[in-house]
Amino acid sequence: MAHTIINSTKAPAPIGPYSQATLANGILYVSGQIALDADSGNLINDSIENETHKVMQNLQAILSEAGMDFSNVLKCTIFVKDLNNFGKINETYGSYFTSNPPARETVEVSRLPKDVNVEISCIATK
């Protein structure tokens, strides 16, 4: 199956052997994004809301590079270190989906890359 690698300079470069996203048969698979600033390389983690906003902005940059936006998202997976933050994450995340939000699951995990509090991946299509 032919596929295209999608990379945006407006989102952080991968920190391992993976691509930001892969487009195959019109479906975009976006790797989990954390709150790394693409320009400075700094983590944005002064609050769970700001951290979640940065994660969503990174996803948005990758979607945009593929000619898509949040209305194209079919499914998201949210990984959190502490489900006690779910309400604040959910409110911030929800502000990016103004209508017809995608399918989703939220999973509490013991640890995430760079010890962040939240990581989100998504699948989108045109």
N, C-alpha and C. Protein backbone atom coordinates (compact mmCIF):
# COMPACT_ATOMS: atom_id res chain seq x y z
N MET A 1 0.85 -1.16 0.00
CA MET A 1 0.00 0.00 0.00
C MET A 1 0.90 1.24 0.00
N ALA A 2 0.61 2.15 -0.90
CA ALA A 2 1.36 3.41 -0.96
C ALA A 2 0.89 4.34 0.15
N HIS A 3 1.83 5.04 0.73
CA HIS A 3 1.47 6.02 1.75
C HIS A 3 2.42 7.20 1.66
N THR A 4 1.99 8.31 2.21
CA THR A 4 2.76 9.54 2.20
C THR A 4 3.05 9.96 3.64
N ILE A 5 4.28 10.32 3.90
CA ILE A 5 4.67 10.81 5.21
C ILE A 5 4.34 12.31 5.26
N ILE A 6 3.69 12.73 6.33
CA ILE A 6 3.34 14.13 6.53
C ILE A 6 4.16 14.68 7.69
N ASN A 7 4.85 15.78 7.45
CA ASN A 7 5.62 16.46 8.50
C ASN A 7 5.36 17.96 8.41
N SER A 8 5.17 18.57 9.55
CA SER A 8 4.98 20.01 9.64
C SER A 8 6.10 20.62 10.48
N THR A 9 6.67 21.70 10.00
CA THR A 9 7.69 22.40 10.78
C THR A 9 7.06 23.17 11.93
N LYS A 10 5.72 23.29 11.92
CA LYS A 10 5.01 24.01 12.98
C LYS A 10 4.66 23.11 14.16
N ALA A 11 5.01 21.83 14.05
CA ALA A 11 4.84 20.87 15.15
C ALA A 11 6.22 20.32 15.47
N PRO A 12 6.41 19.83 16.70
CA PRO A 12 7.74 19.33 17.06
C PRO A 12 8.16 18.12 16.23
N ALA A 13 9.45 18.06 15.94
CA ALA A 13 9.98 16.91 15.21
C ALA A 13 9.84 15.66 16.08
N PRO A 14 9.66 14.51 15.46
CA PRO A 14 9.58 13.27 16.23
C PRO A 14 10.81 13.08 17.12
N ILE A 15 10.58 12.48 18.29
CA ILE A 15 11.68 12.24 19.22
C ILE A 15 12.09 10.76 19.20
N GLY A 16 11.74 10.08 18.14
CA GLY A 16 12.07 8.68 17.98
C GLY A 16 11.90 8.27 16.53
N PRO A 17 11.96 6.97 16.25
CA PRO A 17 11.84 6.47 14.88
C PRO A 17 10.38 6.36 14.42
N TYR A 18 9.75 7.50 14.21
CA TYR A 18 8.37 7.55 13.72
C TYR A 18 8.16 8.86 12.98
N SER A 19 7.07 8.96 12.24
CA SER A 19 6.70 10.17 11.52
C SER A 19 5.60 10.89 12.27
N GLN A 20 5.48 12.19 12.03
CA GLN A 20 4.38 12.94 12.65
C GLN A 20 3.04 12.35 12.21
N ALA A 21 2.95 11.99 10.93
CA ALA A 21 1.70 11.42 10.41
C ALA A 21 1.98 10.64 9.14
N THR A 22 1.06 9.74 8.83
CA THR A 22 1.11 8.96 7.60
C THR A 22 -0.27 9.04 6.95
N LEU A 23 -0.28 9.33 5.64
CA LEU A 23 -1.51 9.41 4.88
C LEU A 23 -1.58 8.20 3.95
N ALA A 24 -2.62 7.40 4.08
CA ALA A 24 -2.80 6.21 3.24
C ALA A 24 -4.27 6.08 2.88
N ASN A 25 -4.55 5.94 1.60
CA ASN A 25 -5.93 5.77 1.12
C ASN A 25 -6.87 6.83 1.67
N GLY A 26 -6.39 8.07 1.76
CA GLY A 26 -7.23 9.18 2.22
C GLY A 26 -7.40 9.26 3.73
N ILE A 27 -6.75 8.37 4.46
CA ILE A 27 -6.85 8.38 5.92
C ILE A 27 -5.52 8.85 6.51
N LEU A 28 -5.60 9.83 7.39
CA LEU A 28 -4.41 10.38 8.04
C LEU A 28 -4.30 9.82 9.45
N TYR A 29 -3.17 9.21 9.74
CA TYR A 29 -2.89 8.66 11.07
C TYR A 29 -1.84 9.57 11.71
N VAL A 30 -2.25 10.32 12.74
CA VAL A 30 -1.36 11.28 13.37
C VAL A 30 -0.80 10.68 14.66
N SER A 31 0.53 10.68 14.76
CA SER A 31 1.19 10.16 15.95
C SER A 31 0.83 11.00 17.17
N GLY A 32 0.95 10.38 18.33
CA GLY A 32 0.68 11.09 19.57
C GLY A 32 1.52 12.34 19.70
N GLN A 33 0.87 13.42 20.07
CA GLN A 33 1.54 14.71 20.23
C GLN A 33 1.56 15.09 21.70
N ILE A 34 2.70 15.66 22.09
CA ILE A 34 2.84 16.19 23.45
C ILE A 34 3.03 17.69 23.34
N ALA A 35 3.16 18.37 24.46
CA ALA A 35 3.19 19.83 24.48
C ALA A 35 4.60 20.39 24.30
N LEU A 36 5.28 19.93 23.27
CA LEU A 36 6.58 20.49 22.92
C LEU A 36 6.37 21.65 21.96
N ASP A 37 7.07 22.74 22.22
CA ASP A 37 7.03 23.88 21.31
C ASP A 37 8.01 23.61 20.17
N ALA A 38 7.53 23.68 18.92
CA ALA A 38 8.36 23.36 17.76
C ALA A 38 9.54 24.30 17.61
N ASP A 39 9.36 25.57 17.95
CA ASP A 39 10.43 26.55 17.77
C ASP A 39 11.51 26.45 18.84
N SER A 40 11.10 26.40 20.09
CA SER A 40 12.06 26.44 21.20
C SER A 40 12.48 25.06 21.69
N GLY A 41 11.64 24.06 21.44
CA GLY A 41 11.90 22.73 21.97
C GLY A 41 11.52 22.59 23.43
N ASN A 42 10.95 23.66 24.01
CA ASN A 42 10.55 23.64 25.42
C ASN A 42 9.19 22.97 25.59
N LEU A 43 9.01 22.33 26.73
CA LEU A 43 7.71 21.80 27.09
C LEU A 43 6.83 22.93 27.63
N ILE A 44 5.58 22.90 27.25
CA ILE A 44 4.59 23.85 27.77
C ILE A 44 3.79 23.07 28.82
N ASN A 45 4.15 23.23 30.07
CA ASN A 45 3.47 22.45 31.11
C ASN A 45 3.25 23.24 32.39
N ASP A 46 3.03 24.56 32.24
CA ASP A 46 2.77 25.39 33.41
C ASP A 46 1.38 25.17 33.98
N SER A 47 0.46 24.66 33.15
CA SER A 47 -0.87 24.27 33.63
C SER A 47 -1.38 23.18 32.70
N ILE A 48 -2.29 22.35 33.17
CA ILE A 48 -2.81 21.27 32.34
C ILE A 48 -3.60 21.83 31.16
N GLU A 49 -4.23 23.00 31.36
CA GLU A 49 -4.96 23.62 30.25
C GLU A 49 -4.00 24.07 29.16
N ASN A 50 -2.91 24.77 29.53
CA ASN A 50 -1.93 25.22 28.53
C ASN A 50 -1.24 24.05 27.86
N GLU A 51 -0.97 23.01 28.64
CA GLU A 51 -0.35 21.82 28.07
C GLU A 51 -1.27 21.19 27.02
N THR A 52 -2.55 21.08 27.34
CA THR A 52 -3.52 20.50 26.41
C THR A 52 -3.68 21.38 25.18
N HIS A 53 -3.73 22.70 25.36
CA HIS A 53 -3.81 23.61 24.20
C HIS A 53 -2.63 23.39 23.27
N LYS A 54 -1.43 23.26 23.81
CA LYS A 54 -0.24 23.08 22.96
C LYS A 54 -0.30 21.75 22.23
N VAL A 55 -0.76 20.71 22.88
CA VAL A 55 -0.93 19.42 22.22
C VAL A 55 -1.90 19.58 21.04
N MET A 56 -3.02 20.24 21.27
CA MET A 56 -4.02 20.42 20.22
C MET A 56 -3.47 21.30 19.09
N GLN A 57 -2.69 22.32 19.42
CA GLN A 57 -2.08 23.16 18.39
C GLN A 57 -1.09 22.35 17.54
N ASN A 58 -0.36 21.44 18.16
CA ASN A 58 0.55 20.58 17.41
C ASN A 58 -0.23 19.65 16.47
N LEU A 59 -1.32 19.08 16.96
CA LEU A 59 -2.17 18.26 16.10
C LEU A 59 -2.72 19.09 14.95
N GLN A 60 -3.15 20.31 15.25
CA GLN A 60 -3.70 21.21 14.24
C GLN A 60 -2.67 21.50 13.14
N ALA A 61 -1.43 21.71 13.51
CA ALA A 61 -0.37 21.99 12.53
C ALA A 61 -0.18 20.81 11.58
N ILE A 62 -0.22 19.61 12.11
CA ILE A 62 -0.05 18.41 11.29
C ILE A 62 -1.26 18.20 10.39
N LEU A 63 -2.46 18.37 10.95
CA LEU A 63 -3.67 18.27 10.14
C LEU A 63 -3.62 19.27 8.99
N SER A 64 -3.23 20.49 9.29
CA SER A 64 -3.15 21.55 8.29
C SER A 64 -2.17 21.21 7.18
N GLU A 65 -1.04 20.64 7.55
CA GLU A 65 -0.03 20.23 6.57
C GLU A 65 -0.61 19.22 5.59
N ALA A 66 -1.57 18.43 6.04
CA ALA A 66 -2.22 17.43 5.19
C ALA A 66 -3.47 17.98 4.51
N GLY A 67 -3.73 19.29 4.68
CA GLY A 67 -4.90 19.91 4.07
C GLY A 67 -6.19 19.61 4.81
N MET A 68 -6.10 19.37 6.11
CA MET A 68 -7.26 19.03 6.92
C MET A 68 -7.33 19.94 8.14
N ASP A 69 -8.43 19.79 8.88
CA ASP A 69 -8.57 20.49 10.16
C ASP A 69 -9.34 19.57 11.11
N PHE A 70 -9.71 20.10 12.26
CA PHE A 70 -10.36 19.25 13.26
C PHE A 70 -11.70 18.68 12.80
N SER A 71 -12.34 19.31 11.82
CA SER A 71 -13.61 18.76 11.32
C SER A 71 -13.40 17.44 10.56
N ASN A 72 -12.17 17.15 10.18
CA ASN A 72 -11.85 15.92 9.47
C ASN A 72 -11.50 14.76 10.40
N VAL A 73 -11.39 15.04 11.70
CA VAL A 73 -10.95 14.02 12.65
C VAL A 73 -12.07 13.03 12.94
N LEU A 74 -11.75 11.74 12.79
CA LEU A 74 -12.71 10.66 13.05
C LEU A 74 -12.60 10.13 14.47
N LYS A 75 -11.36 10.09 14.99
CA LYS A 75 -11.13 9.47 16.29
C LYS A 75 -9.89 10.04 16.94
N CYS A 76 -9.94 10.20 18.24
CA CYS A 76 -8.78 10.63 19.03
C CYS A 76 -8.54 9.62 20.15
N THR A 77 -7.30 9.53 20.55
CA THR A 77 -6.94 8.77 21.74
C THR A 77 -6.18 9.73 22.65
N ILE A 78 -6.65 9.83 23.89
CA ILE A 78 -6.02 10.70 24.88
C ILE A 78 -5.38 9.82 25.94
N PHE A 79 -4.09 10.05 26.16
CA PHE A 79 -3.37 9.37 27.23
C PHE A 79 -3.08 10.40 28.31
N VAL A 80 -3.44 10.09 29.54
CA VAL A 80 -3.21 11.02 30.65
C VAL A 80 -2.48 10.31 31.78
N LYS A 81 -1.67 11.08 32.49
CA LYS A 81 -0.96 10.52 33.63
C LYS A 81 -1.84 10.48 34.88
N ASP A 82 -2.84 11.36 34.93
CA ASP A 82 -3.69 11.45 36.12
C ASP A 82 -5.11 11.79 35.69
N LEU A 83 -6.03 10.85 35.83
CA LEU A 83 -7.42 11.09 35.43
C LEU A 83 -8.10 12.19 36.25
N ASN A 84 -7.49 12.59 37.35
CA ASN A 84 -8.02 13.73 38.09
C ASN A 84 -7.96 15.02 37.26
N ASN A 85 -7.12 15.05 36.22
CA ASN A 85 -7.03 16.20 35.32
C ASN A 85 -8.02 16.11 34.16
N PHE A 86 -8.79 15.04 34.10
CA PHE A 86 -9.66 14.80 32.96
C PHE A 86 -10.62 15.96 32.67
N GLY A 87 -11.23 16.53 33.68
CA GLY A 87 -12.19 17.61 33.46
C GLY A 87 -11.57 18.80 32.74
N LYS A 88 -10.40 19.22 33.17
CA LYS A 88 -9.72 20.36 32.55
C LYS A 88 -9.22 20.01 31.15
N ILE A 89 -8.71 18.80 30.99
CA ILE A 89 -8.27 18.36 29.65
C ILE A 89 -9.46 18.30 28.72
N ASN A 90 -10.55 17.71 29.18
CA ASN A 90 -11.76 17.55 28.38
C ASN A 90 -12.32 18.90 27.93
N GLU A 91 -12.35 19.87 28.83
CA GLU A 91 -12.86 21.20 28.48
C GLU A 91 -11.99 21.86 27.41
N THR A 92 -10.69 21.78 27.57
CA THR A 92 -9.77 22.37 26.59
C THR A 92 -9.87 21.64 25.26
N TYR A 93 -9.79 20.33 25.30
CA TYR A 93 -9.91 19.49 24.09
C TYR A 93 -11.21 19.80 23.36
N GLY A 94 -12.30 19.88 24.09
CA GLY A 94 -13.62 20.12 23.50
C GLY A 94 -13.74 21.44 22.76
N SER A 95 -12.94 22.42 23.16
CA SER A 95 -13.01 23.73 22.49
C SER A 95 -12.50 23.67 21.05
N TYR A 96 -11.84 22.61 20.67
CA TYR A 96 -11.34 22.45 19.30
C TYR A 96 -12.32 21.73 18.39
N PHE A 97 -13.39 21.18 18.96
CA PHE A 97 -14.40 20.47 18.19
C PHE A 97 -15.74 21.17 18.41
N THR A 98 -16.07 22.11 17.53
CA THR A 98 -17.27 22.94 17.71
C THR A 98 -18.56 22.21 17.38
N SER A 99 -18.48 21.20 16.52
CA SER A 99 -19.66 20.38 16.23
C SER A 99 -19.21 18.99 15.82
N ASN A 100 -20.06 18.03 16.00
CA ASN A 100 -19.79 16.66 15.62
C ASN A 100 -18.42 16.17 16.09
N PRO A 101 -18.18 16.12 17.40
CA PRO A 101 -16.88 15.67 17.88
C PRO A 101 -16.61 14.22 17.47
N PRO A 102 -15.33 13.87 17.34
CA PRO A 102 -14.99 12.51 16.90
C PRO A 102 -15.17 11.48 18.01
N ALA A 103 -15.09 10.22 17.62
CA ALA A 103 -15.01 9.14 18.60
C ALA A 103 -13.72 9.32 19.39
N ARG A 104 -13.70 8.76 20.61
CA ARG A 104 -12.52 8.98 21.44
C ARG A 104 -12.46 7.98 22.57
N GLU A 105 -11.24 7.73 23.04
CA GLU A 105 -11.06 7.05 24.31
C GLU A 105 -10.00 7.82 25.08
N THR A 106 -10.11 7.71 26.40
CA THR A 106 -9.14 8.34 27.30
C THR A 106 -8.60 7.26 28.21
N VAL A 107 -7.28 7.17 28.29
CA VAL A 107 -6.63 6.11 29.04
C VAL A 107 -5.63 6.71 30.01
N GLU A 108 -5.71 6.31 31.27
CA GLU A 108 -4.70 6.73 32.24
C GLU A 108 -3.51 5.78 32.13
N VAL A 109 -2.31 6.37 32.06
CA VAL A 109 -1.08 5.60 31.95
C VAL A 109 -0.12 6.01 33.06
N SER A 110 0.87 5.17 33.33
CA SER A 110 1.80 5.49 34.42
C SER A 110 2.85 6.51 34.02
N ARG A 111 3.18 6.57 32.73
CA ARG A 111 4.22 7.51 32.31
C ARG A 111 4.08 7.80 30.83
N LEU A 112 4.46 9.03 30.44
CA LEU A 112 4.43 9.45 29.05
C LEU A 112 5.80 10.01 28.67
N PRO A 113 6.08 10.12 27.36
CA PRO A 113 7.37 10.67 26.93
C PRO A 113 7.65 12.03 27.56
N LYS A 114 8.89 12.22 27.97
CA LYS A 114 9.35 13.46 28.60
C LYS A 114 8.56 13.80 29.87
N ASP A 115 7.91 12.79 30.45
CA ASP A 115 7.13 12.94 31.67
C ASP A 115 6.03 13.99 31.58
N VAL A 116 5.43 14.12 30.38
CA VAL A 116 4.31 15.05 30.20
C VAL A 116 3.07 14.49 30.88
N ASN A 117 2.04 15.31 30.96
CA ASN A 117 0.79 14.91 31.60
C ASN A 117 -0.27 14.41 30.63
N VAL A 118 -0.13 14.78 29.34
CA VAL A 118 -1.14 14.41 28.36
C VAL A 118 -0.48 14.22 26.99
N GLU A 119 -0.96 13.23 26.25
CA GLU A 119 -0.56 12.97 24.87
C GLU A 119 -1.82 12.60 24.11
N ILE A 120 -1.96 13.14 22.89
CA ILE A 120 -3.15 12.87 22.09
C ILE A 120 -2.74 12.50 20.67
N SER A 121 -3.37 11.46 20.14
CA SER A 121 -3.20 11.07 18.74
C SER A 121 -4.56 11.13 18.08
N CYS A 122 -4.57 11.11 16.74
CA CYS A 122 -5.87 11.12 16.04
C CYS A 122 -5.78 10.46 14.68
N ILE A 123 -6.96 10.16 14.16
CA ILE A 123 -7.14 9.61 12.82
C ILE A 123 -8.13 10.55 12.13
N ALA A 124 -7.79 10.95 10.90
CA ALA A 124 -8.65 11.89 10.16
C ALA A 124 -8.78 11.46 8.71
N THR A 125 -9.80 11.96 8.04
CA THR A 125 -10.00 11.70 6.62
C THR A 125 -10.69 12.89 5.98
N LYS A 126 -10.50 13.02 4.67
CA LYS A 126 -11.16 14.13 3.95
C LYS A 126 -12.55 13.73 3.64
